């Protein structure tokens, strides 16, 4: 059973065990990197928005250059085994430290629909909206008495919302900041503000 694999990968019998271990090591490292990158981008966008993401990428590139130089210096003074083990321990400790610093945090909100949405019976979500002015700009807070999926805000003023098409759950309001176009006063944002959701797409006019 193992001979076809050895022939395919051009491995000697004594190299198969090491090859499997190396494959598992690289698979776990790359998988962890992909998952961590997705989580990093999601957390950054949720906290700071998409406008600052290019600056974060520039900062990451600069820090990578710094850490690579440190890594090469350490690699010239230690063995490969110690370098790999030390790197894994270092990143594991970093994950634990960031997890401890963030604390319990806030639970994310997402949903899974195994069937097409038209097969579900959505109850009227009774979405409520509140507009307020803050130092960072105009913020719209949405809340619902029933689950509401793909809730979108449409403004009559030129500009866009920092986020949109969100899910609302009872007791968990969501605040969205409006980013007006240059020279536009967003004080009158509440006038003509339209709220749409998936329920409105499938509900009949009578409901």
Protein backbone atom coordinates (compact mmCIF):
# COMPACT_ATOMS: atom_id res chain seq x y z
CA UNK A 1 0.00 0.00 0.00
CA UNK A 2 2.86 2.34 0.79
CA UNK A 3 4.89 1.54 -2.30
CA UNK A 4 2.72 3.60 -4.71
CA UNK A 5 3.07 6.58 -2.38
CA UNK A 6 6.81 6.15 -2.15
CA UNK A 7 7.08 5.82 -5.93
CA UNK A 8 4.85 8.84 -6.51
CA UNK A 9 6.82 11.06 -4.14
CA UNK A 10 10.19 9.52 -4.99
CA UNK A 11 10.82 8.54 -1.38
CA UNK A 12 13.10 5.82 -0.11
CA UNK A 13 11.65 3.41 2.49
CA UNK A 14 13.61 5.11 5.25
CA UNK A 15 12.31 8.55 4.22
CA UNK A 16 8.57 7.82 4.36
CA UNK A 17 8.20 8.35 8.09
CA UNK A 18 10.10 11.63 7.96
CA UNK A 19 8.09 12.71 4.92
CA UNK A 20 4.80 12.08 6.71
CA UNK A 21 5.96 14.03 9.75
CA UNK A 22 7.19 16.89 7.57
CA UNK A 23 3.89 16.95 5.68
CA UNK A 24 1.92 17.06 8.94
CA UNK A 25 4.15 19.83 10.28
CA UNK A 26 3.82 22.01 7.17
CA UNK A 27 0.09 21.32 6.91
CA UNK A 28 -0.57 22.42 10.48
CA UNK A 29 1.66 25.49 10.18
CA UNK A 30 0.06 26.66 6.92
CA UNK A 31 -3.46 25.91 8.19
CA UNK A 32 -2.81 27.88 11.34
CA UNK A 33 -1.44 30.78 9.31
CA UNK A 34 -4.48 30.87 6.99
CA UNK A 35 -6.95 30.74 9.89
CA UNK A 36 -5.04 33.35 11.89
CA UNK A 37 -4.86 35.68 8.87
CA UNK A 38 -8.62 35.45 8.30
CA UNK A 39 -9.33 36.10 11.98
CA UNK A 40 -6.87 39.00 12.04
CA UNK A 41 -8.47 40.71 9.05
CA UNK A 42 -11.98 40.19 10.42
CA UNK A 43 -11.08 41.62 13.83
CA UNK A 44 -9.29 44.59 12.27
CA UNK A 45 -12.17 45.40 9.92
CA UNK A 46 -14.68 45.12 12.76
CA UNK A 47 -12.68 47.48 14.97
CA UNK A 48 -11.18 50.02 12.54
CA UNK A 49 -12.92 49.57 9.18
CA UNK A 50 -11.54 49.00 5.70
CA UNK A 51 -10.02 52.46 5.25
CA UNK A 52 -7.11 51.72 7.59
CA UNK A 53 -6.43 48.20 6.29
CA UNK A 54 -3.74 49.27 3.74
CA UNK A 55 -1.79 51.00 6.53
CA UNK A 56 -2.00 47.83 8.61
CA UNK A 57 -0.61 45.81 5.67
CA UNK A 58 2.29 48.24 5.34
CA UNK A 59 3.02 47.94 9.08
CA UNK A 60 2.91 44.13 8.82
CA UNK A 61 5.36 44.16 5.89
CA UNK A 62 7.77 46.37 7.85
CA UNK A 63 7.55 44.19 10.95
CA UNK A 64 8.11 41.05 8.85
CA UNK A 65 11.37 42.48 7.57
CA UNK A 66 12.49 43.17 11.13
CA UNK A 67 11.56 39.71 12.42
CA UNK A 68 13.18 37.94 9.45
CA UNK A 69 16.50 39.60 10.25
CA UNK A 70 16.19 38.47 13.88
CA UNK A 71 15.19 34.97 12.74
CA UNK A 72 18.23 34.68 10.45
CA UNK A 73 20.57 35.74 13.24
CA UNK A 74 19.11 33.10 15.56
CA UNK A 75 19.18 30.45 12.80
CA UNK A 76 22.93 30.94 12.31
CA UNK A 77 23.57 30.15 15.99
CA UNK A 78 21.26 27.18 16.63
CA UNK A 79 20.18 23.88 15.10
CA UNK A 80 17.19 23.42 12.81
CA UNK A 81 15.38 21.31 15.42
CA UNK A 82 15.78 23.91 18.16
CA UNK A 83 14.79 26.66 15.72
CA UNK A 84 11.56 24.91 14.70
CA UNK A 85 10.58 24.02 18.24
CA UNK A 86 11.39 27.51 19.48
CA UNK A 87 9.38 29.13 16.67
CA UNK A 88 6.32 27.00 17.40
CA UNK A 89 6.53 27.68 21.12
CA UNK A 90 6.96 31.41 20.46
CA UNK A 91 3.86 31.61 18.25
CA UNK A 92 1.84 29.44 20.62
CA UNK A 93 2.71 31.73 23.53
CA UNK A 94 1.75 34.76 21.41
CA UNK A 95 -1.67 33.25 20.70
CA UNK A 96 -2.21 32.55 24.39
CA UNK A 97 -1.16 36.08 25.36
CA UNK A 98 -3.50 37.71 22.82
CA UNK A 99 -6.32 35.40 23.90
CA UNK A 100 -5.74 36.39 27.53
CA UNK A 101 -5.56 40.10 26.71
CA UNK A 102 -8.79 40.11 24.72
CA UNK A 103 -10.72 38.44 27.52
CA UNK A 104 -14.17 37.00 26.87
CA UNK A 105 -14.90 39.68 24.24
CA UNK A 106 -18.12 39.75 22.29
CA UNK A 107 -19.67 36.77 20.59
CA UNK A 108 -19.79 36.96 16.84
CA UNK A 109 -23.08 36.82 14.98
CA UNK A 110 -23.52 34.58 11.98
CA UNK A 111 -25.96 31.99 10.75
CA UNK A 112 -26.05 28.78 8.78
CA UNK A 113 -28.89 27.96 6.40
CA UNK A 114 -28.66 24.42 4.98
CA UNK A 115 -31.64 25.09 2.68
CA UNK A 116 -32.62 27.96 0.41
CA UNK A 117 -34.04 30.90 2.33
CA UNK A 118 -37.39 30.64 0.56
CA UNK A 119 -38.04 27.38 2.40
CA UNK A 120 -37.96 29.09 5.81
CA UNK A 121 -40.78 30.96 7.47
CA UNK A 122 -39.44 34.25 8.81
CA UNK A 123 -41.32 36.09 11.51
CA UNK A 124 -41.61 39.90 11.33
CA UNK A 125 -38.40 41.09 13.06
CA UNK A 126 -39.84 44.45 14.23
CA UNK A 127 -36.59 46.30 13.58
CA UNK A 128 -36.06 49.52 15.56
CA UNK A 129 -33.60 52.24 14.57
CA UNK A 130 -31.96 55.03 16.56
CA UNK A 131 -29.71 57.73 15.07
CA UNK A 132 -27.26 59.65 17.24
CA UNK A 133 -24.33 61.98 16.77
CA UNK A 134 -20.94 61.03 18.22
CA UNK A 135 -17.47 62.46 18.01
CA UNK A 136 -16.61 59.88 15.35
CA UNK A 137 -19.67 60.78 13.25
CA UNK A 138 -23.27 59.73 12.84
CA UNK A 139 -24.08 56.29 14.24
CA UNK A 140 -27.22 54.26 13.58
CA UNK A 141 -28.14 51.58 16.14
CA UNK A 142 -30.39 48.75 14.99
CA UNK A 143 -32.26 46.27 17.20
CA UNK A 144 -34.85 43.59 16.50
CA UNK A 145 -37.38 41.60 18.49
CA UNK A 146 -36.95 38.57 16.21
CA UNK A 147 -33.92 37.33 14.25
CA UNK A 148 -33.38 39.47 11.16
CA UNK A 149 -30.95 38.40 8.45
CA UNK A 150 -29.09 40.60 5.97
CA UNK A 151 -30.30 43.88 7.44
CA UNK A 152 -29.26 46.75 5.19
CA UNK A 153 -29.40 50.51 5.59
CA UNK A 154 -29.95 52.80 2.61
CA UNK A 155 -29.31 56.52 3.07
CA UNK A 156 -30.50 59.36 0.89
CA UNK A 157 -27.26 61.27 1.51
CA UNK A 158 -24.07 60.65 -0.53
CA UNK A 159 -21.80 58.30 1.38
CA UNK A 160 -21.76 54.78 2.76
CA UNK A 161 -22.00 52.86 6.01
CA UNK A 162 -18.92 51.37 7.61
CA UNK A 163 -20.67 48.00 7.55
CA UNK A 164 -23.93 46.72 6.13
CA UNK A 165 -25.98 43.56 5.47
CA UNK A 166 -25.67 42.52 9.12
CA UNK A 167 -27.60 39.95 11.14
CA UNK A 168 -29.67 41.10 14.11
CA UNK A 169 -30.52 38.91 17.07
CA UNK A 170 -32.96 39.79 19.90
CA UNK A 171 -31.22 41.64 22.71
CA UNK A 172 -28.06 42.27 20.65
CA UNK A 173 -28.20 45.71 18.98
CA UNK A 174 -25.74 46.57 16.23
CA UNK A 175 -24.30 50.05 15.65
CA UNK A 176 -23.24 51.20 12.17
CA UNK A 177 -21.29 54.40 11.53
CA UNK A 178 -22.10 56.46 8.44
CA UNK A 179 -19.19 57.71 6.34
CA UNK A 180 -20.47 60.72 4.38
CA UNK A 181 -18.97 61.93 1.13
CA UNK A 182 -16.64 64.93 1.25
CA UNK A 183 -18.44 68.12 2.20
CA UNK A 184 -21.68 66.36 3.19
CA UNK A 185 -23.29 67.09 6.57
CA UNK A 186 -24.67 63.83 7.97
CA UNK A 187 -26.77 65.50 10.67
CA UNK A 188 -29.97 64.86 8.65
CA UNK A 189 -29.14 61.19 8.03
CA UNK A 190 -32.29 59.97 9.79
CA UNK A 191 -34.52 61.62 7.19
CA UNK A 192 -35.34 59.15 4.45
CA UNK A 193 -33.22 56.35 5.97
CA UNK A 194 -34.51 52.98 4.73
CA UNK A 195 -34.07 49.65 6.52
CA UNK A 196 -34.36 46.43 4.55
CA UNK A 197 -33.93 42.79 5.56
CA UNK A 198 -34.36 39.29 4.17
CA UNK A 199 -37.83 39.07 5.72
CA UNK A 200 -39.02 41.91 3.52
CA UNK A 201 -37.85 40.04 0.43
CA UNK A 202 -40.07 37.02 1.10
CA UNK A 203 -42.95 38.52 3.08
CA UNK A 204 -46.13 39.42 1.23
CA UNK A 205 -47.28 43.08 1.21
CA UNK A 206 -50.01 42.21 3.72
CA UNK A 207 -47.39 41.27 6.34
